[in-house]
């Protein structure tokens, strides 16, 4: 299995011949609106996509969406919709998002209803895990979405957590399934008021303590409301004795994992 971090939540997951684009935000730097109204109003994304993006997109066979409604452009923006529509890439999503995506002309292939039961996915199986995209009053504005647990023959099991804070449901899932590799949002995103709406450093470290597998951190240094820096997360993981299992890829970096979940040379 290969994971190529592109930017924010956007990545390409490779399982043999399948190359799955996750939560694409393809707009150029500064093309999208600010996410904070007070202080410096930075437009988003705050960085460009890495140079290898165009070539990698040409290899994509499927797209996987964790959530996309209520204005969550950082997981599916206008540029990504146009690209997916033009290529007619199969877009896998929850039944909740099916109508929304179909109205935009995408080649939608929704999963069957039923949140926690595994169902066929390519040559393996997939199940969803509920997300909690923040807490308190701010959570009422959010689209909570799902994470995905993917099991493919001969590959490490993979948990794409989606946009979530660390909840008891996520901890219970980890205890039951112990994924070999997990990809989690680590940017500590928050608006001008209210709580964090995804994990920050402390929750990522708590997540890592709850699993025996590798934890890959994303949502870093790409959006104006995500203050966590890669260097700070790496430093805290080192202090916590978790540096060997908390991986912080650069945009454009490819991680390769064997069926054991161990990282192999790229």
Protein backbone atom coordinates (compact mmCIF):
# COMPACT_ATOMS: atom_id res chain seq x y z
CA UNK A 1 0.00 0.00 0.00
CA UNK A 2 1.19 3.49 -0.85
CA UNK A 3 -0.12 6.76 0.55
CA UNK A 4 0.83 9.95 -1.26
CA UNK A 5 0.04 13.08 0.71
CA UNK A 6 -0.98 15.87 -1.67
CA UNK A 7 -2.37 18.67 0.53
CA UNK A 8 -4.62 18.91 3.59
CA UNK A 9 -6.96 15.87 3.46
CA UNK A 10 -6.26 15.19 -0.21
CA UNK A 11 -4.22 12.05 -0.78
CA UNK A 12 -3.91 9.17 -3.22
CA UNK A 13 -4.04 5.66 -1.78
CA UNK A 14 -2.65 2.85 -3.92
CA UNK A 15 -3.72 -0.76 -3.51
CA UNK A 16 -2.13 -2.61 -6.42
CA UNK A 17 -3.88 -1.42 -9.62
CA UNK A 18 -6.33 0.79 -7.71
CA UNK A 19 -5.38 4.41 -7.08
CA UNK A 20 -7.96 6.11 -4.89
CA UNK A 21 -8.14 9.89 -4.66
CA UNK A 22 -9.37 10.93 -1.20
CA UNK A 23 -11.26 14.18 -0.51
CA UNK A 24 -9.88 16.25 -3.39
CA UNK A 25 -9.28 19.98 -2.97
CA UNK A 26 -7.60 20.92 -6.26
CA UNK A 27 -7.89 24.72 -6.31
CA UNK A 28 -4.72 26.79 -6.61
CA UNK A 29 -3.31 28.69 -3.65
CA UNK A 30 -5.60 31.50 -2.48
CA UNK A 31 -8.55 30.61 -4.73
CA UNK A 32 -10.92 29.80 -1.86
CA UNK A 33 -12.33 32.06 0.86
CA UNK A 34 -10.95 32.66 4.36
CA UNK A 35 -12.09 30.36 7.16
CA UNK A 36 -11.51 32.89 9.93
CA UNK A 37 -13.01 36.39 9.97
CA UNK A 38 -10.96 37.97 12.76
CA UNK A 39 -7.30 38.89 12.53
CA UNK A 40 -5.45 38.23 9.28
CA UNK A 41 -8.03 36.98 6.76
CA UNK A 42 -5.95 34.55 4.74
CA UNK A 43 -7.50 33.01 1.66
CA UNK A 44 -7.26 29.26 1.19
CA UNK A 45 -5.49 27.02 0.54
CA UNK A 46 -2.37 28.71 1.85
CA UNK A 47 -0.02 26.50 -0.22
CA UNK A 48 -0.04 25.16 -3.77
CA UNK A 49 -0.44 21.49 -4.62
CA UNK A 50 2.93 19.72 -4.99
CA UNK A 51 4.37 19.55 -8.53
CA UNK A 52 3.76 15.81 -8.90
CA UNK A 53 -0.03 16.23 -8.52
CA UNK A 54 -0.90 16.50 -12.22
CA UNK A 55 0.90 13.30 -13.15
CA UNK A 56 -0.54 11.39 -10.21
CA UNK A 57 -4.09 12.49 -10.99
CA UNK A 58 -3.75 10.91 -14.42
CA UNK A 59 -3.38 7.51 -12.71
CA UNK A 60 -6.46 7.80 -10.46
CA UNK A 61 -9.04 5.02 -10.83
CA UNK A 62 -11.51 5.92 -8.04
CA UNK A 63 -12.39 8.74 -5.65
CA UNK A 64 -13.49 8.42 -2.03
CA UNK A 65 -15.39 11.21 -0.24
CA UNK A 66 -15.75 11.39 3.55
CA UNK A 67 -18.04 14.45 3.59
CA UNK A 68 -18.79 17.31 1.22
CA UNK A 69 -21.92 19.25 2.20
CA UNK A 70 -22.42 22.47 4.22
CA UNK A 71 -19.62 24.20 2.37
CA UNK A 72 -16.77 21.83 3.21
CA UNK A 73 -14.74 22.85 0.18
CA UNK A 74 -11.54 21.54 1.75
CA UNK A 75 -12.77 18.01 1.01
CA UNK A 76 -14.36 18.59 -2.38
CA UNK A 77 -13.99 21.95 -4.07
CA UNK A 78 -15.24 23.32 -7.39
CA UNK A 79 -12.01 22.46 -9.19
CA UNK A 80 -12.21 18.86 -7.99
CA UNK A 81 -15.85 18.54 -9.04
CA UNK A 82 -14.98 19.77 -12.53
CA UNK A 83 -12.06 17.36 -12.79
CA UNK A 84 -14.08 14.37 -11.55
CA UNK A 85 -16.97 15.26 -13.85
CA UNK A 86 -14.69 15.58 -16.84
CA UNK A 87 -12.94 12.28 -16.20
CA UNK A 88 -16.11 10.50 -14.96
CA UNK A 89 -14.05 8.91 -12.21
CA UNK A 90 -16.18 6.59 -10.03
CA UNK A 91 -16.90 8.51 -6.82
CA UNK A 92 -17.57 6.36 -3.76
CA UNK A 93 -19.52 8.01 -0.95
CA UNK A 94 -22.16 7.43 1.69
CA UNK A 95 -25.86 7.28 0.73
CA UNK A 96 -26.21 10.60 2.55
CA UNK A 97 -23.98 12.33 0.00
CA UNK A 98 -25.24 10.48 -3.09
CA UNK A 99 -27.91 12.97 -4.17
CA UNK A 100 -25.70 15.98 -3.51
CA UNK A 101 -22.93 14.59 -5.71
CA UNK A 102 -25.21 13.23 -8.42
CA UNK A 103 -26.77 16.69 -8.85
CA UNK A 104 -23.29 17.95 -9.70
CA UNK A 105 -22.89 15.46 -12.53
CA UNK A 106 -20.46 13.10 -10.84
CA UNK A 107 -20.23 9.36 -11.49
CA UNK A 108 -21.51 8.39 -8.06
CA UNK A 109 -21.21 4.85 -6.68
CA UNK A 110 -22.71 5.06 -3.18
CA UNK A 111 -22.11 2.49 -0.51
CA UNK A 112 -25.10 0.52 0.72
CA UNK A 113 -27.01 1.90 3.72
CA UNK A 114 -25.92 0.63 7.12
CA UNK A 115 -23.10 2.31 8.97
CA UNK A 116 -20.99 -0.28 10.70
CA UNK A 117 -21.27 -3.47 8.64
CA UNK A 118 -18.48 -4.28 6.17
CA UNK A 119 -19.43 -4.34 2.51
CA UNK A 120 -17.60 -5.16 -0.72
CA UNK A 121 -15.08 -2.59 -1.93
CA UNK A 122 -12.93 -3.24 -5.02
CA UNK A 123 -11.27 -6.59 -4.17
CA UNK A 124 -11.71 -6.20 -0.42
CA UNK A 125 -14.18 -4.65 1.98
CA UNK A 126 -14.96 -1.32 3.59
CA UNK A 127 -16.96 -0.08 6.57
CA UNK A 128 -17.77 3.37 7.85
CA UNK A 129 -17.01 4.91 11.24
CA UNK A 130 -18.96 7.95 12.44
CA UNK A 131 -17.11 11.26 12.69
CA UNK A 132 -17.70 14.03 15.19
CA UNK A 133 -16.56 17.24 13.49
CA UNK A 134 -16.26 19.37 16.61
CA UNK A 135 -18.33 19.72 19.77
CA UNK A 136 -20.56 22.28 21.38
CA UNK A 137 -22.36 24.97 19.39
CA UNK A 138 -19.82 24.95 16.55
CA UNK A 139 -20.65 21.31 15.83
CA UNK A 140 -24.18 22.34 14.81
CA UNK A 141 -22.71 24.12 11.78
CA UNK A 142 -20.62 21.18 10.66
CA UNK A 143 -21.17 18.24 8.31
CA UNK A 144 -19.97 15.32 10.40
CA UNK A 145 -19.38 12.70 7.72
CA UNK A 146 -17.67 9.36 8.18
CA UNK A 147 -14.31 7.72 8.29
CA UNK A 148 -13.54 4.55 6.33
CA UNK A 149 -11.89 1.29 7.39
CA UNK A 150 -10.54 -0.51 4.33
CA UNK A 151 -9.30 -4.10 4.25
CA UNK A 152 -7.73 -5.38 1.02
CA UNK A 153 -6.16 -8.83 0.43
CA UNK A 154 -2.43 -8.82 1.09
CA UNK A 155 -2.41 -5.17 2.18
CA UNK A 156 -2.26 -3.40 5.55
CA UNK A 157 -5.64 -2.49 6.96
CA UNK A 158 -6.26 1.25 6.61
CA UNK A 159 -8.41 3.61 8.65
CA UNK A 160 -9.09 6.99 7.07
CA UNK A 161 -10.57 8.75 10.06
CA UNK A 162 -12.23 11.64 8.22
CA UNK A 163 -12.69 14.98 9.96
CA UNK A 164 -13.25 14.11 13.59
CA UNK A 165 -12.21 14.94 17.09
CA UNK A 166 -11.20 11.99 19.26
CA UNK A 167 -14.44 10.42 20.48
CA UNK A 168 -15.25 7.35 22.50
CA UNK A 169 -16.67 5.79 19.33
CA UNK A 170 -13.31 6.23 17.60
CA UNK A 171 -11.48 4.78 20.62
CA UNK A 172 -13.86 1.81 20.71
CA UNK A 173 -13.27 1.24 16.99
CA UNK A 174 -9.50 1.24 17.53
CA UNK A 175 -9.80 -1.24 20.39
CA UNK A 176 -11.88 -3.63 18.26
CA UNK A 177 -10.05 -3.42 14.93
CA UNK A 178 -6.50 -2.14 15.57
CA UNK A 179 -5.83 -0.90 12.01
CA UNK A 180 -2.30 -1.32 10.71
CA UNK A 181 -2.25 2.26 9.41
CA UNK A 182 -4.50 5.20 10.34
CA UNK A 183 -4.67 8.58 8.62
CA UNK A 184 -5.93 11.29 10.96
CA UNK A 185 -6.52 15.06 10.83
CA UNK A 186 -3.99 16.75 13.08
CA UNK A 187 -4.27 20.46 12.32
CA UNK A 188 -6.28 21.50 15.38
CA UNK A 189 -8.65 23.46 13.14
CA UNK A 190 -10.87 26.01 14.81
CA UNK A 191 -12.87 29.05 13.83
CA UNK A 192 -12.80 32.43 15.56
CA UNK A 193 -14.96 31.08 18.38
CA UNK A 194 -15.59 27.62 19.80
CA UNK A 195 -13.74 24.36 20.21
CA UNK A 196 -11.38 22.57 17.86
CA UNK A 197 -13.25 20.78 15.08
CA UNK A 198 -10.59 18.13 14.36
CA UNK A 199 -7.80 16.58 16.39
CA UNK A 200 -4.85 18.65 17.48
CA UNK A 201 -1.51 17.50 18.86
CA UNK A 202 -2.75 16.10 22.18
CA UNK A 203 -5.59 14.11 20.63
CA UNK A 204 -3.33 12.72 17.92
CA UNK A 205 -0.93 11.48 20.60
CA UNK A 206 -3.83 10.02 22.56
CA UNK A 207 -5.03 8.31 19.37
CA UNK A 208 -1.52 6.89 18.82
CA UNK A 209 -1.45 5.49 22.35
CA UNK A 210 -4.75 3.69 21.66
CA UNK A 211 -3.48 1.84 18.59
CA UNK A 212 -0.53 -0.43 17.89
CA UNK A 213 -0.36 0.71 14.27
CA UNK A 214 1.12 3.61 12.36
CA UNK A 215 -0.59 7.01 12.61
CA UNK A 216 -0.20 9.30 9.58
CA UNK A 217 -1.04 12.96 10.27
CA UNK A 218 -2.59 15.24 7.66
CA UNK A 219 -4.54 18.55 7.64
CA UNK A 220 -1.27 20.39 8.28
CA UNK A 221 -0.02 23.74 6.99
CA UNK A 222 -2.60 24.01 4.20
CA UNK A 223 -5.62 25.92 5.61
CA UNK A 224 -5.75 29.18 7.51
CA UNK A 225 -7.74 27.78 10.45
CA UNK A 226 -5.32 24.87 11.13
CA UNK A 227 -2.60 26.24 13.43
CA UNK A 228 -0.63 23.03 14.13
CA UNK A 229 2.78 22.94 12.46
CA UNK A 230 4.49 19.75 11.34
CA UNK A 231 7.60 20.46 13.38
CA UNK A 232 5.58 20.96 16.58
CA UNK A 233 3.72 17.67 16.13
CA UNK A 234 6.96 15.80 15.43
CA UNK A 235 8.62 17.32 18.48
CA UNK A 236 5.75 16.36 20.78
CA UNK A 237 5.59 12.84 19.33
CA UNK A 238 9.32 12.46 20.03
CA UNK A 239 8.90 13.65 23.62
CA UNK A 240 6.02 11.20 24.09
CA UNK A 241 8.07 8.27 22.78
CA UNK A 242 5.77 7.92 19.76
CA UNK A 243 8.01 9.24 16.99
CA UNK A 244 8.39 5.79 15.41
CA UNK A 245 4.62 5.48 14.94
CA UNK A 246 3.44 9.06 14.33
CA UNK A 247 4.37 9.90 10.74
CA UNK A 248 4.09 13.48 9.46
CA UNK A 249 4.48 13.46 5.67
CA UNK A 250 5.34 16.51 3.62
CA UNK A 251 3.05 17.47 0.76
CA UNK A 252 4.11 15.33 -2.19
CA UNK A 253 5.68 12.61 -0.02
CA UNK A 254 4.79 8.94 -0.63
CA UNK A 255 4.69 6.44 2.23
CA UNK A 256 4.90 2.72 1.45
CA UNK A 257 3.68 0.05 3.86
CA UNK A 258 3.89 -3.74 3.78
CA UNK A 259 1.09 -6.02 4.91
CA UNK A 260 2.48 -5.93 8.46
CA UNK A 261 1.99 -2.16 8.58
CA UNK A 262 5.76 -1.64 8.61
CA UNK A 263 7.09 1.15 6.42
CA UNK A 264 9.22 -0.06 3.54
CA UNK A 265 11.83 1.92 1.57
CA UNK A 266 10.32 4.05 -1.20
